[in-house]
Amino acid sequence: MEIRIGIANTGRELSFETSEASDAVKQSVADALDAKASHLNFTDVKGNSYLVPTATLAYIEFGTEESRRVGFVA
């Protein structure tokens, strides 16, 4: 699933793909925001880890869980 995160006062967004289920990611984000956590932690498919401060969080866009198709379909 692709995740795109907008951070306030930043011209670019953080974009990466994760192997976690969309419901699990949404629930962890909601739990962190409800608990007023200082940051969110994400891990992408390559094993890279991202810490995003919740104070400057502008938006989070969750993509589809379907993998991208490669090649031509007849």
Protein backbone atom coordinates (compact mmCIF):
# COMPACT_ATOMS: atom_id res chain seq x y z
CA MET A 1 0.00 0.00 0.00
CA GLU A 2 1.30 3.46 -0.84
CA ILE A 3 1.25 6.14 1.84
CA ARG A 4 1.67 9.86 1.13
CA ILE A 5 2.19 12.21 4.06
CA GLY A 6 2.00 15.98 3.87
CA ILE A 7 3.99 17.93 6.42
CA ALA A 8 3.12 21.56 7.20
CA ASN A 9 5.52 24.25 5.92
CA THR A 10 7.23 21.75 3.61
CA GLY A 11 7.02 21.90 -0.16
CA ARG A 12 7.37 18.16 -0.66
CA GLU A 13 5.47 15.20 0.67
CA LEU A 14 6.80 11.95 2.09
CA SER A 15 5.79 9.01 -0.11
CA PHE A 16 6.58 5.33 0.39
CA GLU A 17 5.10 1.84 0.10
CA THR A 18 4.44 -0.43 3.05
CA SER A 19 3.48 -4.09 3.29
CA GLU A 20 1.18 -3.51 6.27
CA ALA A 21 -2.59 -3.80 5.83
CA SER A 22 -4.43 -0.51 5.33
CA ASP A 23 -6.75 -1.06 8.30
CA ALA A 24 -3.79 -1.68 10.62
CA VAL A 25 -2.01 1.50 9.46
CA LYS A 26 -5.16 3.60 9.78
CA GLN A 27 -5.80 2.25 13.28
CA SER A 28 -2.23 2.93 14.42
CA VAL A 29 -2.45 6.52 13.10
CA ALA A 30 -5.80 7.07 14.81
CA ASP A 31 -4.50 5.62 18.09
CA ALA A 32 -1.41 7.83 18.02
CA LEU A 33 -3.45 10.96 17.32
CA ASP A 34 -6.00 10.10 20.04
CA ALA A 35 -3.20 9.51 22.56
CA LYS A 36 -1.57 12.81 21.49
CA ALA A 37 1.67 11.03 20.68
CA SER A 38 4.56 13.25 19.60
CA HIS A 39 5.32 11.24 16.46
CA LEU A 40 4.16 8.44 14.15
CA ASN A 41 6.39 5.55 13.12
CA PHE A 42 6.16 3.93 9.68
CA THR A 43 8.22 1.20 7.99
CA ASP A 44 8.39 0.76 4.22
CA VAL A 45 8.79 -2.41 2.15
CA LYS A 46 12.58 -1.98 2.05
CA GLY A 47 12.85 -1.85 5.83
CA ASN A 48 13.43 1.91 6.10
CA SER A 49 11.81 3.54 9.12
CA TYR A 50 10.16 6.98 9.16
CA LEU A 51 9.33 9.11 12.20
CA VAL A 52 6.80 11.83 11.45
CA PRO A 53 6.02 14.51 14.06
CA THR A 54 2.28 14.79 14.66
CA ALA A 55 2.47 18.53 15.42
CA THR A 56 3.34 19.34 11.78
CA LEU A 57 1.15 16.70 10.15
CA ALA A 58 -0.93 18.21 7.33
CA TYR A 59 -2.50 15.05 5.83
CA ILE A 60 -2.05 11.32 5.28
CA GLU A 61 -3.21 9.73 2.04
CA PHE A 62 -3.64 5.96 1.99
CA GLY A 63 -3.36 4.30 -1.43
CA THR A 64 -4.83 1.02 -2.52
CA GLU A 65 -3.43 -2.30 -1.38
CA GLU A 66 -3.38 -3.67 -4.93
CA SER A 67 0.12 -4.09 -6.32
CA ARG A 68 1.03 -2.34 -9.54
CA ARG A 69 0.83 -4.35 -12.71
CA VAL A 70 3.79 -4.50 -15.02
CA GLY A 71 3.57 -5.16 -18.73
CA PHE A 72 0.74 -5.18 -21.23
CA VAL A 73 -2.63 -6.78 -20.62
CA ALA A 74 -4.45 -8.26 -23.60
